[in-house]
């Protein structure tokens, strides 16, 4: 058993040319050195380890590396049996993981007692579980009823989001992922978060990809049918199988989900894999100046019907 432990995360990882290598699955952390030593990246074929010195930058939406294609294939395969995995809130005692220009471990307190005086991982877990259980019991007795009622009675609101990109800025029949800021509403809580959509520009109704698979299968809601345009398809980034994030593979001209290998064509049509329906099309409006606005919708996963949740 090696001394590193792992910390589970999930961010797209890019090579030197900006091509997607995969998604970060874990962070390798050295228990003795108290810093991150590398990242584990999941691709379609394997899990591989990338040393931290090959990481150029880290943001909330992507990780840039200095790897070439040959470097990537030469990276060591990750063997989970050689590492100890712990929850992110549990290890190390008194420390937290911070994602900034580089990934580092920041102390929350000064450990004057040194390593010998620090809490052991088992002792820390035992005490943490007890504290968390007591806190949950005390704090949720009163608000939980109100939270459930508020969440149940809060209507789904349709908010149009201007993506800050125009139709003519997009390549034809080549997906572009566009991120934007939004606010998630659950009961009385409003939480800012970053979301994204896939934009696919078409030449018009004569383009074979201009009609989404949702339209062909007639599973769109009236909202999506009213707000569609043969010049542009907007697809949700969430796989309808179990909620992972399909990625566009330009060489194969396919969307492929890295989790369970559901495969989709350019218009969202499912080609293979366990997904029960096509990729979900979202409502879109194109302004006179070519500006693009969408309504970000979320749908139930794991079922054939397109049931809106938010």
C-alpha atoms as a PDB file:
ATOM      1  CA  UNK A   1       0.000   0.000   0.000  1.00  0.00           C
ATOM      2  CA  UNK A   2       1.529   3.329  -1.042  1.00  0.00           C
ATOM      3  CA  UNK A   3       1.383   6.414   1.175  1.00  0.00           C
ATOM      4  CA  UNK A   4      -0.759   8.521  -1.173  1.00  0.00           C
ATOM      5  CA  UNK A   5      -4.501   8.701  -0.639  1.00  0.00           C
ATOM      6  CA  UNK A   6      -7.035   9.790  -3.242  1.00  0.00           C
ATOM      7  CA  UNK A   7      -9.650  12.531  -3.361  1.00  0.00           C
ATOM      8  CA  UNK A   8     -12.548  12.201  -5.827  1.00  0.00           C
ATOM      9  CA  UNK A   9     -13.339  15.148  -8.127  1.00  0.00           C
ATOM     10  CA  UNK A  10     -14.449  15.685 -11.752  1.00  0.00           C
ATOM     11  CA  UNK A  11     -13.128  18.329 -14.170  1.00  0.00           C
ATOM     12  CA  UNK A  12     -12.251  18.050 -17.905  1.00  0.00           C
ATOM     13  CA  UNK A  13      -8.498  17.651 -18.464  1.00  0.00           C
ATOM     14  CA  UNK A  14      -6.920  19.115 -21.628  1.00  0.00           C
ATOM     15  CA  UNK A  15      -3.642  18.343 -23.390  1.00  0.00           C
ATOM     16  CA  UNK A  16      -1.096  20.849 -24.737  1.00  0.00           C
ATOM     17  CA  UNK A  17      -3.226  21.491 -27.868  1.00  0.00           C
ATOM     18  CA  UNK A  18      -6.451  21.988 -25.929  1.00  0.00           C
ATOM     19  CA  UNK A  19      -7.888  18.568 -26.810  1.00  0.00           C
ATOM     20  CA  UNK A  20      -9.807  16.765 -24.059  1.00  0.00           C
ATOM     21  CA  UNK A  21      -7.917  13.826 -22.551  1.00  0.00           C
ATOM     22  CA  UNK A  22     -10.704  12.860 -20.165  1.00  0.00           C
ATOM     23  CA  UNK A  23     -12.119  13.922 -16.795  1.00  0.00           C
ATOM     24  CA  UNK A  24     -10.252  14.137 -13.537  1.00  0.00           C
ATOM     25  CA  UNK A  25     -11.403  11.240 -11.389  1.00  0.00           C
ATOM     26  CA  UNK A  26      -9.260  11.705  -8.285  1.00  0.00           C
ATOM     27  CA  UNK A  27      -6.481  13.739  -6.712  1.00  0.00           C
ATOM     28  CA  UNK A  28      -3.451  11.880  -5.319  1.00  0.00           C
ATOM     29  CA  UNK A  29      -2.400  13.274  -1.968  1.00  0.00           C
ATOM     30  CA  UNK A  30       0.773  12.408  -0.036  1.00  0.00           C
ATOM     31  CA  UNK A  31      -0.019  11.741   3.615  1.00  0.00           C
ATOM     32  CA  UNK A  32       3.534  12.410   4.757  1.00  0.00           C
ATOM     33  CA  UNK A  33       4.287  15.413   2.541  1.00  0.00           C
ATOM     34  CA  UNK A  34       0.843  16.995   2.945  1.00  0.00           C
ATOM     35  CA  UNK A  35       0.482  18.047  -0.674  1.00  0.00           C
ATOM     36  CA  UNK A  36      -1.048  16.849  -3.909  1.00  0.00           C
ATOM     37  CA  UNK A  37       1.348  14.713  -5.969  1.00  0.00           C
ATOM     38  CA  UNK A  38      -0.749  14.070  -9.070  1.00  0.00           C
ATOM     39  CA  UNK A  39      -4.177  13.605 -10.625  1.00  0.00           C
ATOM     40  CA  UNK A  40      -6.002  10.561 -11.961  1.00  0.00           C
ATOM     41  CA  UNK A  41      -7.737  11.106 -15.310  1.00  0.00           C
ATOM     42  CA  UNK A  42     -10.474   8.875 -16.717  1.00  0.00           C
ATOM     43  CA  UNK A  43     -10.558   8.505 -20.502  1.00  0.00           C
ATOM     44  CA  UNK A  44     -12.652   6.170 -22.627  1.00  0.00           C
ATOM     45  CA  UNK A  45      -9.931   3.536 -22.466  1.00  0.00           C
ATOM     46  CA  UNK A  46      -8.369   3.751 -19.015  1.00  0.00           C
ATOM     47  CA  UNK A  47      -7.494   5.595 -15.824  1.00  0.00           C
ATOM     48  CA  UNK A  48      -4.049   7.240 -15.976  1.00  0.00           C
ATOM     49  CA  UNK A  49      -1.904   9.184 -13.528  1.00  0.00           C
ATOM     50  CA  UNK A  50      -0.552  12.638 -14.431  1.00  0.00           C
ATOM     51  CA  UNK A  51       2.175  14.134 -12.236  1.00  0.00           C
ATOM     52  CA  UNK A  52       1.369  17.538 -10.783  1.00  0.00           C
ATOM     53  CA  UNK A  53       4.381  19.114 -12.507  1.00  0.00           C
ATOM     54  CA  UNK A  54       2.657  18.454 -15.859  1.00  0.00           C
ATOM     55  CA  UNK A  55      -0.401  20.504 -14.760  1.00  0.00           C
ATOM     56  CA  UNK A  56      -0.229  24.080 -16.082  1.00  0.00           C
ATOM     57  CA  UNK A  57      -3.443  25.569 -14.695  1.00  0.00           C
ATOM     58  CA  UNK A  58      -6.649  24.629 -12.895  1.00  0.00           C
ATOM     59  CA  UNK A  59     -10.006  26.428 -13.126  1.00  0.00           C
ATOM     60  CA  UNK A  60     -13.543  25.502 -12.147  1.00  0.00           C
ATOM     61  CA  UNK A  61     -14.241  24.336 -15.707  1.00  0.00           C
ATOM     62  CA  UNK A  62     -10.998  22.712 -16.941  1.00  0.00           C
ATOM     63  CA  UNK A  63      -7.466  21.598 -16.180  1.00  0.00           C
ATOM     64  CA  UNK A  64      -4.700  22.446 -18.673  1.00  0.00           C
ATOM     65  CA  UNK A  65      -1.626  20.203 -18.905  1.00  0.00           C
ATOM     66  CA  UNK A  66       1.623  20.206 -20.871  1.00  0.00           C
ATOM     67  CA  UNK A  67       1.030  16.664 -22.142  1.00  0.00           C
ATOM     68  CA  UNK A  68       1.293  15.657 -25.779  1.00  0.00           C
ATOM     69  CA  UNK A  69      -0.606  12.685 -27.154  1.00  0.00           C
ATOM     70  CA  UNK A  70       2.465  10.463 -26.780  1.00  0.00           C
ATOM     71  CA  UNK A  71       3.002  11.714 -23.215  1.00  0.00           C
ATOM     72  CA  UNK A  72      -0.584  10.802 -22.371  1.00  0.00           C
ATOM     73  CA  UNK A  73      -0.278   7.246 -23.677  1.00  0.00           C
ATOM     74  CA  UNK A  74       3.002   6.859 -21.777  1.00  0.00           C
ATOM     75  CA  UNK A  75       1.418   7.938 -18.472  1.00  0.00           C
ATOM     76  CA  UNK A  76       1.149   5.163 -15.864  1.00  0.00           C
ATOM     77  CA  UNK A  77      -2.126   3.290 -15.434  1.00  0.00           C
ATOM     78  CA  UNK A  78      -3.889   3.971 -12.122  1.00  0.00           C
ATOM     79  CA  UNK A  79      -4.288   0.852  -9.965  1.00  0.00           C
ATOM     80  CA  UNK A  80      -6.848   1.610  -7.202  1.00  0.00           C
ATOM     81  CA  UNK A  81      -5.644  -1.381  -5.162  1.00  0.00           C
ATOM     82  CA  UNK A  82      -2.371   0.463  -4.547  1.00  0.00           C
ATOM     83  CA  UNK A  83      -3.999   3.463  -2.891  1.00  0.00           C
ATOM     84  CA  UNK A  84      -6.173   4.220   0.099  1.00  0.00           C
ATOM     85  CA  UNK A  85      -9.290   6.211  -0.743  1.00  0.00           C
ATOM     86  CA  UNK A  86     -10.964   8.450   1.821  1.00  0.00           C
ATOM     87  CA  UNK A  87     -13.853  10.979   1.689  1.00  0.00           C
ATOM     88  CA  UNK A  88     -12.775  14.584   0.941  1.00  0.00           C
ATOM     89  CA  UNK A  89     -14.190  15.878   4.242  1.00  0.00           C
ATOM     90  CA  UNK A  90     -12.273  13.311   6.264  1.00  0.00           C
ATOM     91  CA  UNK A  91      -8.565  13.538   5.408  1.00  0.00           C
ATOM     92  CA  UNK A  92      -6.288  15.145   6.457  1.00  0.00           C
ATOM     93  CA  UNK A  93      -7.446  16.385   9.887  1.00  0.00           C
ATOM     94  CA  UNK A  94      -7.294  20.174   9.951  1.00  0.00           C
ATOM     95  CA  UNK A  95      -6.699  20.535   6.232  1.00  0.00           C
ATOM     96  CA  UNK A  96      -8.739  21.273   3.120  1.00  0.00           C
ATOM     97  CA  UNK A  97      -8.090  20.939  -0.615  1.00  0.00           C
ATOM     98  CA  UNK A  98      -7.986  24.236  -2.507  1.00  0.00           C
ATOM     99  CA  UNK A  99      -8.217  24.467  -6.304  1.00  0.00           C
ATOM    100  CA  UNK A 100      -6.367  27.533  -7.514  1.00  0.00           C
ATOM    101  CA  UNK A 101      -3.535  28.187  -9.956  1.00  0.00           C
ATOM    102  CA  UNK A 102      -2.260  24.844  -8.673  1.00  0.00           C
ATOM    103  CA  UNK A 103      -3.827  22.251  -6.402  1.00  0.00           C
ATOM    104  CA  UNK A 104      -2.611  22.614  -2.824  1.00  0.00           C
ATOM    105  CA  UNK A 105      -3.543  21.588   0.693  1.00  0.00           C
ATOM    106  CA  UNK A 106      -4.183  24.526   2.995  1.00  0.00           C
ATOM    107  CA  UNK A 107      -4.066  24.226   6.823  1.00  0.00           C
ATOM    108  CA  UNK A 108      -7.198  25.272   8.673  1.00  0.00           C
ATOM    109  CA  UNK A 109      -5.328  25.496  11.992  1.00  0.00           C
ATOM    110  CA  UNK A 110      -1.784  25.437  13.365  1.00  0.00           C
ATOM    111  CA  UNK A 111      -0.860  21.917  14.409  1.00  0.00           C
ATOM    112  CA  UNK A 112       1.429  22.839  17.313  1.00  0.00           C
ATOM    113  CA  UNK A 113       1.546  19.280  18.596  1.00  0.00           C
ATOM    114  CA  UNK A 114       3.228  18.020  15.424  1.00  0.00           C
ATOM    115  CA  UNK A 115       2.412  14.753  13.702  1.00  0.00           C
ATOM    116  CA  UNK A 116       2.429  12.796  16.965  1.00  0.00           C
ATOM    117  CA  UNK A 117      -0.193  15.069  18.451  1.00  0.00           C
ATOM    118  CA  UNK A 118      -2.467  15.060  15.418  1.00  0.00           C
ATOM    119  CA  UNK A 119      -5.661  13.054  15.432  1.00  0.00           C
ATOM    120  CA  UNK A 120      -5.417   9.687  13.776  1.00  0.00           C
ATOM    121  CA  UNK A 121      -7.624   9.124  10.775  1.00  0.00           C
ATOM    122  CA  UNK A 122      -9.754   6.561  12.581  1.00  0.00           C
ATOM    123  CA  UNK A 123     -10.207   8.771  15.640  1.00  0.00           C
ATOM    124  CA  UNK A 124     -11.038  11.719  13.418  1.00  0.00           C
ATOM    125  CA  UNK A 125     -13.646   9.725  11.503  1.00  0.00           C
ATOM    126  CA  UNK A 126     -15.271   8.443  14.683  1.00  0.00           C
ATOM    127  CA  UNK A 127     -15.538  11.872  16.216  1.00  0.00           C
ATOM    128  CA  UNK A 128     -16.661  13.452  12.953  1.00  0.00           C
ATOM    129  CA  UNK A 129     -19.463  10.920  12.444  1.00  0.00           C
ATOM    130  CA  UNK A 130     -20.731  11.539  15.951  1.00  0.00           C
ATOM    131  CA  UNK A 131     -20.630  15.311  15.589  1.00  0.00           C
ATOM    132  CA  UNK A 132     -22.276  15.252  12.169  1.00  0.00           C
ATOM    133  CA  UNK A 133     -25.046  12.895  13.334  1.00  0.00           C
ATOM    134  CA  UNK A 134     -25.797  15.074  16.353  1.00  0.00           C
ATOM    135  CA  UNK A 135     -25.766  18.247  14.254  1.00  0.00           C
ATOM    136  CA  UNK A 136     -28.136  16.749  11.700  1.00  0.00           C
ATOM    137  CA  UNK A 137     -30.549  15.623  14.379  1.00  0.00           C
ATOM    138  CA  UNK A 138     -30.645  19.021  16.064  1.00  0.00           C
ATOM    139  CA  UNK A 139     -30.630  21.354  13.095  1.00  0.00           C
ATOM    140  CA  UNK A 140     -32.985  19.554  10.717  1.00  0.00           C
ATOM    141  CA  UNK A 141     -35.907  18.812  13.009  1.00  0.00           C
ATOM    142  CA  UNK A 142     -37.532  22.218  12.533  1.00  0.00           C
ATOM    143  CA  UNK A 143     -36.517  23.378   9.027  1.00  0.00           C
ATOM    144  CA  UNK A 144     -36.921  20.070   7.222  1.00  0.00           C
ATOM    145  CA  UNK A 145     -40.700  20.292   7.124  1.00  0.00           C
ATOM    146  CA  UNK A 146     -40.633  23.837   5.809  1.00  0.00           C
ATOM    147  CA  UNK A 147     -37.952  22.963   3.296  1.00  0.00           C
ATOM    148  CA  UNK A 148     -39.966  20.062   1.888  1.00  0.00           C
ATOM    149  CA  UNK A 149     -43.093  22.187   1.618  1.00  0.00           C
ATOM    150  CA  UNK A 150     -41.231  25.053  -0.040  1.00  0.00           C
ATOM    151  CA  UNK A 151     -39.514  22.757  -2.519  1.00  0.00           C
ATOM    152  CA  UNK A 152     -42.779  21.035  -3.352  1.00  0.00           C
ATOM    153  CA  UNK A 153     -44.656  24.281  -3.934  1.00  0.00           C
ATOM    154  CA  UNK A 154     -41.939  26.235  -5.756  1.00  0.00           C
ATOM    155  CA  UNK A 155     -42.924  26.359  -9.443  1.00  0.00           C
ATOM    156  CA  UNK A 156     -40.427  25.706 -12.205  1.00  0.00           C
ATOM    157  CA  UNK A 157     -39.578  29.053 -13.777  1.00  0.00           C
ATOM    158  CA  UNK A 158     -38.478  29.453 -17.378  1.00  0.00           C
ATOM    159  CA  UNK A 159     -35.605  31.943 -17.456  1.00  0.00           C
ATOM    160  CA  UNK A 160     -33.990  32.788 -20.781  1.00  0.00           C
ATOM    161  CA  UNK A 161     -30.203  33.068 -20.606  1.00  0.00           C
ATOM    162  CA  UNK A 162     -28.237  35.039 -23.186  1.00  0.00           C
ATOM    163  CA  UNK A 163     -25.130  32.949 -23.836  1.00  0.00           C
ATOM    164  CA  UNK A 164     -23.052  35.883 -25.082  1.00  0.00           C
ATOM    165  CA  UNK A 165     -22.330  34.190 -28.411  1.00  0.00           C
ATOM    166  CA  UNK A 166     -23.840  34.741 -31.875  1.00  0.00           C
ATOM    167  CA  UNK A 167     -24.910  32.171 -34.418  1.00  0.00           C
ATOM    168  CA  UNK A 168     -22.374  33.157 -37.082  1.00  0.00           C
ATOM    169  CA  UNK A 169     -19.545  32.756 -34.558  1.00  0.00           C
ATOM    170  CA  UNK A 170     -20.166  28.998 -34.460  1.00  0.00           C
ATOM    171  CA  UNK A 171     -18.752  26.426 -36.911  1.00  0.00           C
ATOM    172  CA  UNK A 172     -21.277  24.464 -38.999  1.00  0.00           C
ATOM    173  CA  UNK A 173     -22.192  20.961 -37.776  1.00  0.00           C
ATOM    174  CA  UNK A 174     -19.471  20.952 -35.131  1.00  0.00           C
ATOM    175  CA  UNK A 175     -20.529  21.040 -31.463  1.00  0.00           C
ATOM    176  CA  UNK A 176     -19.264  23.843 -29.243  1.00  0.00           C
ATOM    177  CA  UNK A 177     -19.687  23.641 -25.476  1.00  0.00           C
ATOM    178  CA  UNK A 178     -20.703  26.986 -23.987  1.00  0.00           C
ATOM    179  CA  UNK A 179     -20.563  27.634 -20.245  1.00  0.00           C
ATOM    180  CA  UNK A 180     -22.613  30.291 -18.441  1.00  0.00           C
ATOM    181  CA  UNK A 181     -23.506  31.354 -14.920  1.00  0.00           C
ATOM    182  CA  UNK A 182     -26.922  30.565 -13.478  1.00  0.00           C
ATOM    183  CA  UNK A 183     -28.757  30.345 -10.160  1.00  0.00           C
ATOM    184  CA  UNK A 184     -30.198  27.047  -8.928  1.00  0.00           C
ATOM    185  CA  UNK A 185     -33.386  27.420  -6.850  1.00  0.00           C
ATOM    186  CA  UNK A 186     -34.391  24.725  -4.358  1.00  0.00           C
ATOM    187  CA  UNK A 187     -37.106  25.704  -1.900  1.00  0.00           C
ATOM    188  CA  UNK A 188     -35.942  29.000  -0.428  1.00  0.00           C
ATOM    189  CA  UNK A 189     -32.300  28.474  -1.352  1.00  0.00           C
ATOM    190  CA  UNK A 190     -30.685  30.213  -4.343  1.00  0.00           C
ATOM    191  CA  UNK A 191     -27.273  28.798  -5.195  1.00  0.00           C
ATOM    192  CA  UNK A 192     -25.055  30.272  -7.960  1.00  0.00           C
ATOM    193  CA  UNK A 193     -23.530  27.612 -10.182  1.00  0.00           C
ATOM    194  CA  UNK A 194     -21.833  27.186 -13.537  1.00  0.00           C
ATOM    195  CA  UNK A 195     -23.725  25.337 -16.245  1.00  0.00           C
ATOM    196  CA  UNK A 196     -23.060  24.536 -19.881  1.00  0.00           C
ATOM    197  CA  UNK A 197     -24.831  23.466 -23.079  1.00  0.00           C
ATOM    198  CA  UNK A 198     -23.776  22.010 -26.426  1.00  0.00           C
ATOM    199  CA  UNK A 199     -24.432  24.307 -29.415  1.00  0.00           C
ATOM    200  CA  UNK A 200     -24.577  22.842 -32.956  1.00  0.00           C
ATOM    201  CA  UNK A 201     -25.071  25.301 -35.827  1.00  0.00           C
ATOM    202  CA  UNK A 202     -26.719  24.070 -39.062  1.00  0.00           C
ATOM    203  CA  UNK A 203     -27.099  25.464 -42.554  1.00  0.00           C
ATOM    204  CA  UNK A 204     -30.901  25.270 -42.270  1.00  0.00           C
ATOM    205  CA  UNK A 205     -33.758  22.820 -42.733  1.00  0.00           C
ATOM    206  CA  UNK A 206     -31.931  21.073 -45.586  1.00  0.00           C
ATOM    207  CA  UNK A 207     -29.125  20.118 -43.186  1.00  0.00           C
ATOM    208  CA  UNK A 208     -29.560  16.441 -42.248  1.00  0.00           C
ATOM    209  CA  UNK A 209     -28.633  17.229 -38.637  1.00  0.00           C
ATOM    210  CA  UNK A 210     -30.999  20.186 -38.193  1.00  0.00           C
ATOM    211  CA  UNK A 211     -33.782  18.033 -36.730  1.00  0.00           C
ATOM    212  CA  UNK A 212     -32.886  16.722 -33.272  1.00  0.00           C
ATOM    213  CA  UNK A 213     -33.591  13.139 -32.248  1.00  0.00           C
ATOM    214  CA  UNK A 214     -36.022  14.491 -29.633  1.00  0.00           C
ATOM    215  CA  UNK A 215     -38.075  16.064 -32.434  1.00  0.00           C
ATOM    216  CA  UNK A 216     -37.900  12.932 -34.576  1.00  0.00           C
ATOM    217  CA  UNK A 217     -39.108  10.755 -31.675  1.00  0.00           C
ATOM    218  CA  UNK A 218     -41.723  13.395 -30.738  1.00  0.00           C
ATOM    219  CA  UNK A 219     -40.737  13.461 -27.066  1.00  0.00           C
ATOM    220  CA  UNK A 220     -40.175  17.225 -26.848  1.00  0.00           C
ATOM    221  CA  UNK A 221     -42.524  19.262 -24.682  1.00  0.00           C
ATOM    222  CA  UNK A 222     -44.590  22.136 -26.178  1.00  0.00           C
ATOM    223  CA  UNK A 223     -41.981  24.549 -24.747  1.00  0.00           C
ATOM    224  CA  UNK A 224     -39.164  22.937 -26.743  1.00  0.00           C
ATOM    225  CA  UNK A 225     -41.297  22.572 -29.873  1.00  0.00           C
ATOM    226  CA  UNK A 226     -42.277  26.260 -29.758  1.00  0.00           C
ATOM    227  CA  UNK A 227     -38.701  27.373 -29.188  1.00  0.00           C
ATOM    228  CA  UNK A 228     -36.644  25.505 -31.753  1.00  0.00           C
ATOM    229  CA  UNK A 229     -34.768  26.668 -34.822  1.00  0.00           C
ATOM    230  CA  UNK A 230     -33.460  24.610 -37.793  1.00  0.00           C
ATOM    231  CA  UNK A 231     -30.294  26.735 -37.728  1.00  0.00           C
ATOM    232  CA  UNK A 232     -29.265  25.622 -34.235  1.00  0.00           C
ATOM    233  CA  UNK A 233     -29.587  22.604 -31.948  1.00  0.00           C
ATOM    234  CA  UNK A 234     -28.970  23.017 -28.220  1.00  0.00           C
ATOM    235  CA  UNK A 235     -28.296  19.805 -26.283  1.00  0.00           C
ATOM    236  CA  UNK A 236     -28.120  19.265 -22.552  1.00  0.00           C
ATOM    237  CA  UNK A 237     -24.630  18.256 -21.309  1.00  0.00           C
ATOM    238  CA  UNK A 238     -26.176  15.620 -19.009  1.00  0.00           C
ATOM    239  CA  UNK A 239     -26.321  11.998 -20.167  1.00  0.00           C
ATOM    240  CA  UNK A 240     -29.915  10.705 -19.771  1.00  0.00           C
ATOM    241  CA  UNK A 241     -28.555   7.367 -18.539  1.00  0.00           C
ATOM    242  CA  UNK A 242     -27.084   8.230 -15.130  1.00  0.00           C
ATOM    243  CA  UNK A 243     -26.204  11.918 -15.398  1.00  0.00           C
ATOM    244  CA  UNK A 244     -22.578  11.878 -16.565  1.00  0.00           C
ATOM    245  CA  UNK A 245     -21.226  14.327 -19.165  1.00  0.00           C
ATOM    246  CA  UNK A 246     -20.916  13.065 -22.790  1.00  0.00           C
ATOM    247  CA  UNK A 247     -17.951  14.543 -24.676  1.00  0.00           C
ATOM    248  CA  UNK A 248     -17.669  15.303 -28.402  1.00  0.00           C
ATOM    249  CA  UNK A 249     -15.007  13.246 -30.213  1.00  0.00           C
ATOM    250  CA  UNK A 250     -14.234  15.073 -33.426  1.00  0.00           C
ATOM    251  CA  UNK A 251     -12.360  12.181 -35.042  1.00  0.00           C
ATOM    252  CA  UNK A 252     -15.338   9.853 -34.671  1.00  0.00           C
ATOM    253  CA  UNK A 253     -17.977  12.589 -35.063  1.00  0.00           C
ATOM    254  CA  UNK A 254     -19.818  11.238 -32.026  1.00  0.00           C
ATOM    255  CA  UNK A 255     -20.763  12.206 -28.492  1.00  0.00           C
ATOM    256  CA  UNK A 256     -19.471   9.502 -26.130  1.00  0.00           C
ATOM    257  CA  UNK A 257     -20.271   9.273 -22.431  1.00  0.00           C
ATOM    258  CA  UNK A 258     -17.095   8.370 -20.499  1.00  0.00           C
ATOM    259  CA  UNK A 259     -18.965   6.634 -17.671  1.00  0.00           C
ATOM    260  CA  UNK A 260     -20.931   3.853 -19.382  1.00  0.00           C
ATOM    261  CA  UNK A 261     -20.142   4.471 -23.064  1.00  0.00           C
ATOM    262  CA  UNK A 262     -23.501   5.621 -24.357  1.00  0.00           C
ATOM    263  CA  UNK A 263     -22.842   6.917 -27.889  1.00  0.00           C
ATOM    264  CA  UNK A 264     -24.821   9.655 -29.676  1.00  0.00           C
ATOM    265  CA  UNK A 265     -24.807  11.231 -33.131  1.00  0.00           C
ATOM    266  CA  UNK A 266     -24.547  14.958 -33.845  1.00  0.00           C
ATOM    267  CA  UNK A 267     -28.310  15.497 -33.427  1.00  0.00           C
ATOM    268  CA  UNK A 268     -28.350  13.649 -30.077  1.00  0.00           C
ATOM    269  CA  UNK A 269     -29.614  10.345 -31.481  1.00  0.00           C
ATOM    270  CA  UNK A 270     -28.529   7.372 -29.381  1.00  0.00           C
ATOM    271  CA  UNK A 271     -26.363   4.974 -31.388  1.00  0.00           C
ATOM    272  CA  UNK A 272     -25.453   2.485 -28.674  1.00  0.00           C
ATOM    273  CA  UNK A 273     -25.078   2.080 -24.936  1.00  0.00           C
ATOM    274  CA  UNK A 274     -27.474   1.902 -21.970  1.00  0.00           C
ATOM    275  CA  UNK A 275     -29.022   5.386 -22.295  1.00  0.00           C
ATOM    276  CA  UNK A 276     -32.835   5.072 -22.495  1.00  0.00           C
ATOM    277  CA  UNK A 277     -33.375   8.076 -24.808  1.00  0.00           C
ATOM    278  CA  UNK A 278     -31.495  10.602 -26.973  1.00  0.00           C
ATOM    279  CA  UNK A 279     -29.544  13.516 -25.560  1.00  0.00           C
ATOM    280  CA  UNK A 280     -32.069  16.097 -24.369  1.00  0.00           C
ATOM    281  CA  UNK A 281     -32.748  19.093 -26.620  1.00  0.00           C
ATOM    282  CA  UNK A 282     -33.257  22.462 -24.886  1.00  0.00           C
ATOM    283  CA  UNK A 283     -35.361  25.490 -25.963  1.00  0.00           C
ATOM    284  CA  UNK A 284     -33.503  28.129 -27.977  1.00  0.00           C
ATOM    285  CA  UNK A 285     -34.176  31.579 -29.423  1.00  0.00           C
ATOM    286  CA  UNK A 286     -32.028  33.381 -31.976  1.00  0.00           C
ATOM    287  CA  UNK A 287     -32.295  37.170 -31.984  1.00  0.00           C
ATOM    288  CA  UNK A 288     -32.294  39.394 -35.100  1.00  0.00           C
ATOM    289  CA  UNK A 289     -28.599  40.059 -34.491  1.00  0.00           C
ATOM    290  CA  UNK A 290     -27.849  36.325 -34.178  1.00  0.00           C
ATOM    291  CA  UNK A 291     -27.614  36.350 -30.365  1.00  0.00           C
ATOM    292  CA  UNK A 292     -28.448  32.997 -28.751  1.00  0.00           C
ATOM    293  CA  UNK A 293     -30.635  32.548 -25.672  1.00  0.00           C
ATOM    294  CA  UNK A 294     -31.602  29.249 -24.034  1.00  0.00           C
ATOM    295  CA  UNK A 295     -33.683  27.905 -21.182  1.00  0.00           C
ATOM    296  CA  UNK A 296     -31.605  25.481 -19.148  1.00  0.00           C
ATOM    297  CA  UNK A 297     -33.761  22.466 -18.280  1.00  0.00           C
ATOM    298  CA  UNK A 298     -32.982  19.315 -16.293  1.00  0.00           C
ATOM    299  CA  UNK A 299     -34.766  16.031 -16.877  1.00  0.00           C
ATOM    300  CA  UNK A 300     -35.197  12.751 -15.034  1.00  0.00           C
ATOM    301  CA  UNK A 301     -32.416  10.289 -15.836  1.00  0.00           C
ATOM    302  CA  UNK A 302     -32.662   6.553 -16.384  1.00  0.00           C
ATOM    303  CA  UNK A 303     -36.106   6.588 -18.074  1.00  0.00           C
ATOM    304  CA  UNK A 304     -37.286   6.719 -21.687  1.00  0.00           C
ATOM    305  CA  UNK A 305     -39.715   9.609 -21.100  1.00  0.00           C
ATOM    306  CA  UNK A 306     -38.422  13.180 -21.111  1.00  0.00           C
ATOM    307  CA  UNK A 307     -39.717  14.327 -17.704  1.00  0.00           C
ATOM    308  CA  UNK A 308     -38.646  17.800 -16.649  1.00  0.00           C
ATOM    309  CA  UNK A 309     -37.378  18.258 -13.082  1.00  0.00           C
ATOM    310  CA  UNK A 310     -36.111  21.847 -13.125  1.00  0.00           C
END
